[in-house]
Amino acid sequence: DIKSTTASTAAVHNAVGTGAPGRALGLYVSKEGGQAATTVKIKDNTTVLAEILIPATNTTKGPGSTTYMQFPGTGFRAQTSLKFEIVTTATSVTLLHG
């Protein structure tokens, strides 16, 4: 089963309740116009499994952007606690996980 967890604040977020093993399968990042570049880290507790940089949306009154990524194979496996960190600003980040 694929589940999703969405967050919008720059912080570390548990993908599976209070922290449990899991696999990151995909990622949606939505940004409003004028936002700086966004960095999202997929973690196994405190260990970084992947770090993704989404480019800035340079025009203040211009369109925002939505970026979707599907991770190949069975995704990124977190053996301890699947988490994702929004390092810099984003309108919302949704982690697809199983």
C-alpha atoms as a PDB file:
ATOM      1  CA  ASP A   1       0.000   0.000   0.000  1.00  0.00           C
ATOM      2  CA  ILE A   2       1.168   3.501  -0.822  1.00  0.00           C
ATOM      3  CA  LYS A   3       0.565   6.214   1.752  1.00  0.00           C
ATOM      4  CA  SER A   4       1.337   9.916   1.739  1.00  0.00           C
ATOM      5  CA  THR A   5       2.484  12.481   4.276  1.00  0.00           C
ATOM      6  CA  THR A   6       2.323  16.215   3.535  1.00  0.00           C
ATOM      7  CA  ALA A   7       4.077  19.070   5.323  1.00  0.00           C
ATOM      8  CA  SER A   8       4.748  22.729   4.635  1.00  0.00           C
ATOM      9  CA  THR A   9       7.114  23.934   7.359  1.00  0.00           C
ATOM     10  CA  ALA A  10      10.899  23.887   7.264  1.00  0.00           C
ATOM     11  CA  ALA A  11      11.533  21.061   9.757  1.00  0.00           C
ATOM     12  CA  VAL A  12      12.038  17.288  10.016  1.00  0.00           C
ATOM     13  CA  HIS A  13       8.776  15.354   9.585  1.00  0.00           C
ATOM     14  CA  ASN A  14       7.977  11.711  10.387  1.00  0.00           C
ATOM     15  CA  ALA A  15       6.609   9.943   7.336  1.00  0.00           C
ATOM     16  CA  VAL A  16       5.157   6.992   9.252  1.00  0.00           C
ATOM     17  CA  GLY A  17       3.414   8.192  12.403  1.00  0.00           C
ATOM     18  CA  THR A  18       5.855   8.555  15.289  1.00  0.00           C
ATOM     19  CA  GLY A  19       8.696   7.046  13.294  1.00  0.00           C
ATOM     20  CA  ALA A  20       8.864   3.572  11.833  1.00  0.00           C
ATOM     21  CA  PRO A  21      10.676   1.790   9.006  1.00  0.00           C
ATOM     22  CA  GLY A  22       9.442   2.441   5.493  1.00  0.00           C
ATOM     23  CA  ARG A  23      10.291   3.129   1.868  1.00  0.00           C
ATOM     24  CA  ALA A  24      10.198   6.517   0.181  1.00  0.00           C
ATOM     25  CA  LEU A  25       8.612   5.907  -3.234  1.00  0.00           C
ATOM     26  CA  GLY A  26       8.047   9.396  -4.629  1.00  0.00           C
ATOM     27  CA  LEU A  27       7.886  13.092  -3.855  1.00  0.00           C
ATOM     28  CA  TYR A  28       5.717  16.090  -4.830  1.00  0.00           C
ATOM     29  CA  VAL A  29       7.048  19.593  -4.172  1.00  0.00           C
ATOM     30  CA  SER A  30       4.796  22.625  -4.756  1.00  0.00           C
ATOM     31  CA  LYS A  31       6.187  26.155  -4.776  1.00  0.00           C
ATOM     32  CA  GLU A  32       4.588  29.561  -5.173  1.00  0.00           C
ATOM     33  CA  GLY A  33       6.090  32.110  -7.552  1.00  0.00           C
ATOM     34  CA  GLY A  34       9.094  33.961  -6.135  1.00  0.00           C
ATOM     35  CA  GLN A  35      10.267  31.228  -3.738  1.00  0.00           C
ATOM     36  CA  ALA A  36      13.963  30.464  -3.424  1.00  0.00           C
ATOM     37  CA  ALA A  37      15.407  27.061  -4.223  1.00  0.00           C
ATOM     38  CA  THR A  38      14.065  24.256  -2.041  1.00  0.00           C
ATOM     39  CA  THR A  39      16.076  21.421  -0.522  1.00  0.00           C
ATOM     40  CA  VAL A  40      14.331  18.261   0.687  1.00  0.00           C
ATOM     41  CA  LYS A  41      16.194  15.441   2.442  1.00  0.00           C
ATOM     42  CA  ILE A  42      14.889  11.906   2.791  1.00  0.00           C
ATOM     43  CA  LYS A  43      16.214  10.350   5.990  1.00  0.00           C
ATOM     44  CA  ASP A  44      16.481   7.152   7.963  1.00  0.00           C
ATOM     45  CA  ASN A  45      16.242   8.750  11.395  1.00  0.00           C
ATOM     46  CA  THR A  46      19.241  11.150  11.172  1.00  0.00           C
ATOM     47  CA  THR A  47      21.050   9.519   8.217  1.00  0.00           C
ATOM     48  CA  VAL A  48      20.462  11.268   4.880  1.00  0.00           C
ATOM     49  CA  LEU A  49      19.440   8.776   2.178  1.00  0.00           C
ATOM     50  CA  ALA A  50      18.835  11.379  -0.536  1.00  0.00           C
ATOM     51  CA  GLU A  51      19.033  15.149  -0.904  1.00  0.00           C
ATOM     52  CA  ILE A  52      16.950  16.798  -3.601  1.00  0.00           C
ATOM     53  CA  LEU A  53      17.268  20.406  -4.818  1.00  0.00           C
ATOM     54  CA  ILE A  54      14.273  22.015  -6.523  1.00  0.00           C
ATOM     55  CA  PRO A  55      15.143  25.218  -8.459  1.00  0.00           C
ATOM     56  CA  ALA A  56      13.827  28.637  -7.464  1.00  0.00           C
ATOM     57  CA  THR A  57      10.692  30.086  -9.013  1.00  0.00           C
ATOM     58  CA  ASN A  58      12.277  33.404  -9.932  1.00  0.00           C
ATOM     59  CA  THR A  59       9.323  35.563 -10.905  1.00  0.00           C
ATOM     60  CA  THR A  60       7.600  37.103  -7.877  1.00  0.00           C
ATOM     61  CA  LYS A  61       4.187  37.397  -9.525  1.00  0.00           C
ATOM     62  CA  GLY A  62       4.821  34.561 -11.959  1.00  0.00           C
ATOM     63  CA  PRO A  63       3.561  31.021 -11.869  1.00  0.00           C
ATOM     64  CA  GLY A  64       4.668  28.605  -9.206  1.00  0.00           C
ATOM     65  CA  SER A  65       5.809  25.090  -9.923  1.00  0.00           C
ATOM     66  CA  THR A  66       5.009  21.525  -9.002  1.00  0.00           C
ATOM     67  CA  THR A  67       7.711  18.894  -9.240  1.00  0.00           C
ATOM     68  CA  TYR A  68       7.005  15.158  -9.075  1.00  0.00           C
ATOM     69  CA  MET A  69       9.663  12.484  -8.692  1.00  0.00           C
ATOM     70  CA  GLN A  70       9.189   8.739  -8.633  1.00  0.00           C
ATOM     71  CA  PHE A  71      12.140   6.891  -7.156  1.00  0.00           C
ATOM     72  CA  PRO A  72      13.343   3.878  -9.164  1.00  0.00           C
ATOM     73  CA  GLY A  73      13.080   0.265  -8.061  1.00  0.00           C
ATOM     74  CA  THR A  74      11.719  -0.036  -4.544  1.00  0.00           C
ATOM     75  CA  GLY A  75      12.663   3.506  -3.540  1.00  0.00           C
ATOM     76  CA  PHE A  76      14.791   4.557  -0.578  1.00  0.00           C
ATOM     77  CA  ARG A  77      14.551   2.158   2.367  1.00  0.00           C
ATOM     78  CA  ALA A  78      14.671   3.495   5.907  1.00  0.00           C
ATOM     79  CA  GLN A  79      15.323   0.601   8.283  1.00  0.00           C
ATOM     80  CA  THR A  80      14.831   2.629  11.474  1.00  0.00           C
ATOM     81  CA  SER A  81      12.557   5.646  10.967  1.00  0.00           C
ATOM     82  CA  LEU A  82      11.477   7.147   7.632  1.00  0.00           C
ATOM     83  CA  LYS A  83      11.564  10.948   7.787  1.00  0.00           C
ATOM     84  CA  PHE A  84      11.810  13.854   5.393  1.00  0.00           C
ATOM     85  CA  GLU A  85      13.234  17.286   6.037  1.00  0.00           C
ATOM     86  CA  ILE A  86      12.182  20.492   4.342  1.00  0.00           C
ATOM     87  CA  VAL A  87      15.415  22.446   4.636  1.00  0.00           C
ATOM     88  CA  THR A  88      14.291  25.595   2.844  1.00  0.00           C
ATOM     89  CA  THR A  89      10.932  27.086   1.913  1.00  0.00           C
ATOM     90  CA  ALA A  90       8.258  25.246  -0.062  1.00  0.00           C
ATOM     91  CA  THR A  91       4.509  25.685  -0.281  1.00  0.00           C
ATOM     92  CA  SER A  92       4.052  21.979   0.397  1.00  0.00           C
ATOM     93  CA  VAL A  93       5.961  18.717   0.187  1.00  0.00           C
ATOM     94  CA  THR A  94       4.239  15.338  -0.075  1.00  0.00           C
ATOM     95  CA  LEU A  95       6.238  12.158   0.447  1.00  0.00           C
ATOM     96  CA  LEU A  96       4.751   8.998  -1.041  1.00  0.00           C
ATOM     97  CA  HIS A  97       5.806   6.001   1.021  1.00  0.00           C
ATOM     98  CA  GLY A  98       5.061   2.386   1.749  1.00  0.00           C
END
